[in-house]
Structure formats: C-alpha cells, structure tokens
Amino acid sequence: MKTKLITLLLVTFFNLNLVFADGPTCSVHNHTERLKEIKSEITKYLISSAEVKRGYSYKFPKTKKVRSFIDSFIKRESKCCNFLEFRIVEGTNKLTLYIEGSKGAKNFIRNNLGNLRVIK
C-alpha cells in the first residue's frame, strides 16, 4: 500500500500520468503511445463525458462492440492503475463508464481522459 501511494505521488508530482500502459509496469513511452490509441478509440464511440464527484463518467452507445472495448479497457488499465475504480452502468440504449478513485485520482483521470470531447 505504501509503495502504491509513493508511486502515485511521484507520478502526480512529475506529471507523467501513467494511466495507459500495456501491462502492470508503466513507462512513459508505453503511456504516450497507449494514450493516443485509447483516446482515438474512445472518441469513436463517445456520446458525452462529465465530471463527477470522485472522477469522470463517459457515456457510450450500448452495443456489443463498445461493451467489448470497455471490458478490455478496464481489464488492461486495472493492471497499471489499481488505485482507480471502474464501474459500468447499463441503461436501455447507453453504457456509462465511471472512472473514479480516492484523493488525487480525479486529477490523474483529468490529465489523461478528462478532456475527451465528442467528435462527430
């Protein structure tokens, strides 16, 4: 627990924001490339995003393809960022992905995904 907290503080302090990596070990190079891929993929499907109390929510159309993408995203990113909480809420036609966490996590999310905008 102490190691994870120190890592989070160092990442935040140096503003490296290593949320997106291909495995449990984050590196700046992997993060930069992975972040581009994730943003590109997410904006294809994104309906809207909003700031919530402990993080951000992202709304998507409810399709098998989008659900599969979100499930893969959560599985992959949970390995590197186990201090974040991922939750999916299914509506009739929409999926809402909540990415939240304790103190410091919201800034971490904002610096990586918070600025996503719907591209039509």
Protein backbone atom coordinates (compact mmCIF):
# COMPACT_ATOMS: atom_id res chain seq x y z
CA MET A 1 0.00 0.00 0.00
CA LYS A 2 2.79 2.41 0.93
CA THR A 3 4.63 1.67 -2.35
CA LYS A 4 1.48 2.33 -4.38
CA LEU A 5 0.92 5.64 -2.61
CA ILE A 6 4.52 6.72 -3.19
CA THR A 7 4.22 5.73 -6.87
CA LEU A 8 1.02 7.74 -7.24
CA LEU A 9 2.62 10.75 -5.58
CA LEU A 10 5.72 10.54 -7.79
CA VAL A 11 3.65 10.15 -10.94
CA THR A 12 1.48 13.11 -9.97
CA PHE A 13 4.49 15.19 -8.90
CA PHE A 14 6.33 14.65 -12.17
CA ASN A 15 3.08 14.92 -14.13
CA LEU A 16 3.85 11.73 -16.04
CA ASN A 17 0.27 10.47 -15.63
CA LEU A 18 0.96 6.88 -16.50
CA VAL A 19 -2.62 5.61 -16.67
CA PHE A 20 -2.36 3.86 -20.01
CA ALA A 21 0.24 1.17 -20.30
CA ASP A 22 0.23 -2.28 -21.82
CA GLY A 23 0.75 -4.08 -18.55
CA PRO A 24 1.39 -3.77 -14.87
CA THR A 25 4.65 -1.88 -15.43
CA CYS A 26 4.11 1.67 -16.64
CA SER A 27 6.64 3.50 -18.74
CA VAL A 28 6.49 6.96 -20.27
CA HIS A 29 6.90 5.61 -23.82
CA ASN A 30 4.16 2.99 -23.44
CA HIS A 31 1.93 5.55 -21.77
CA THR A 32 2.24 8.11 -24.56
CA GLU A 33 1.54 5.62 -27.32
CA ARG A 34 -1.23 3.86 -25.41
CA LEU A 35 -2.92 7.15 -24.51
CA LYS A 36 -3.09 8.12 -28.21
CA GLU A 37 -4.65 4.76 -29.07
CA ILE A 38 -7.18 4.91 -26.24
CA LYS A 39 -8.25 8.48 -26.99
CA SER A 40 -8.64 7.64 -30.67
CA GLU A 41 -10.74 4.57 -29.90
CA ILE A 42 -12.85 6.17 -27.17
CA THR A 43 -13.74 9.24 -29.23
CA LYS A 44 -15.11 6.97 -31.98
CA TYR A 45 -17.86 5.85 -29.61
CA LEU A 46 -18.14 8.61 -27.01
CA ILE A 47 -21.54 10.25 -26.65
CA SER A 48 -20.66 12.51 -23.72
CA SER A 49 -18.37 12.89 -20.74
CA ALA A 50 -18.93 14.57 -17.40
CA GLU A 51 -17.06 15.32 -14.22
CA VAL A 52 -18.48 13.50 -11.19
CA LYS A 53 -17.63 13.81 -7.50
CA ARG A 54 -14.73 11.33 -7.46
CA GLY A 55 -13.76 11.21 -11.14
CA TYR A 56 -15.40 11.20 -14.57
CA SER A 57 -18.19 9.43 -16.40
CA TYR A 58 -18.21 8.54 -20.09
CA LYS A 59 -21.39 7.63 -21.99
CA PHE A 60 -21.32 5.28 -24.96
CA PRO A 61 -23.91 3.60 -27.18
CA LYS A 62 -24.92 0.19 -25.87
CA THR A 63 -23.53 -2.24 -28.45
CA LYS A 64 -21.59 -5.49 -28.18
CA LYS A 65 -18.57 -3.89 -29.85
CA VAL A 66 -18.48 -0.97 -27.41
CA ARG A 67 -19.06 -3.24 -24.39
CA SER A 68 -16.19 -5.46 -25.51
CA PHE A 69 -13.95 -2.40 -25.92
CA ILE A 70 -14.85 -1.08 -22.45
CA ASP A 71 -14.33 -4.51 -20.83
CA SER A 72 -10.88 -4.79 -22.46
CA PHE A 73 -10.03 -1.24 -21.44
CA ILE A 74 -10.95 -1.91 -17.80
CA LYS A 75 -9.04 -5.20 -17.69
CA ARG A 76 -5.90 -3.64 -19.15
CA GLU A 77 -5.92 -0.40 -17.21
CA SER A 78 -6.74 -2.03 -13.87
CA LYS A 79 -3.36 -3.76 -14.02
CA CYS A 80 -1.45 -0.49 -14.08
CA CYS A 81 -3.82 1.71 -12.15
CA ASN A 82 -5.32 -0.38 -9.42
CA PHE A 83 -5.95 2.78 -7.40
CA LEU A 84 -8.74 3.65 -9.87
CA GLU A 85 -12.24 2.22 -9.65
CA PHE A 86 -14.01 1.27 -12.88
CA ARG A 87 -17.77 0.79 -12.97
CA ILE A 88 -20.19 0.25 -15.85
CA VAL A 89 -23.86 1.19 -15.62
CA GLU A 90 -26.09 -0.17 -18.36
CA GLY A 91 -29.12 1.78 -19.49
CA THR A 92 -31.61 0.92 -22.19
CA ASN A 93 -29.52 2.35 -25.04
CA LYS A 94 -26.37 3.57 -23.31
CA LEU A 95 -23.41 2.35 -21.29
CA THR A 96 -21.87 4.67 -18.77
CA LEU A 97 -18.30 4.05 -17.67
CA TYR A 98 -17.36 5.62 -14.36
CA ILE A 99 -13.67 6.00 -13.59
CA GLU A 100 -13.21 7.17 -10.03
CA GLY A 101 -10.83 6.99 -7.12
CA SER A 102 -9.74 8.48 -3.86
CA LYS A 103 -7.95 11.79 -3.37
CA GLY A 104 -5.58 12.57 -6.23
CA ALA A 105 -7.23 10.13 -8.63
CA LYS A 106 -9.55 12.75 -10.13
CA ASN A 107 -6.62 14.92 -11.24
CA PHE A 108 -4.93 11.82 -12.59
CA ILE A 109 -8.02 10.97 -14.67
CA ARG A 110 -8.49 14.60 -15.77
CA ASN A 111 -4.93 14.79 -17.04
CA ASN A 112 -5.41 11.66 -19.13
CA LEU A 113 -9.04 11.43 -20.18
CA GLY A 114 -10.93 14.33 -18.68
CA ASN A 115 -10.53 16.47 -21.77
CA LEU A 116 -12.11 13.97 -24.15
CA ARG A 117 -14.71 15.53 -26.38
CA VAL A 118 -17.31 14.06 -28.66
CA ILE A 119 -16.11 14.12 -32.27
CA LYS A 120 -18.84 13.90 -34.90
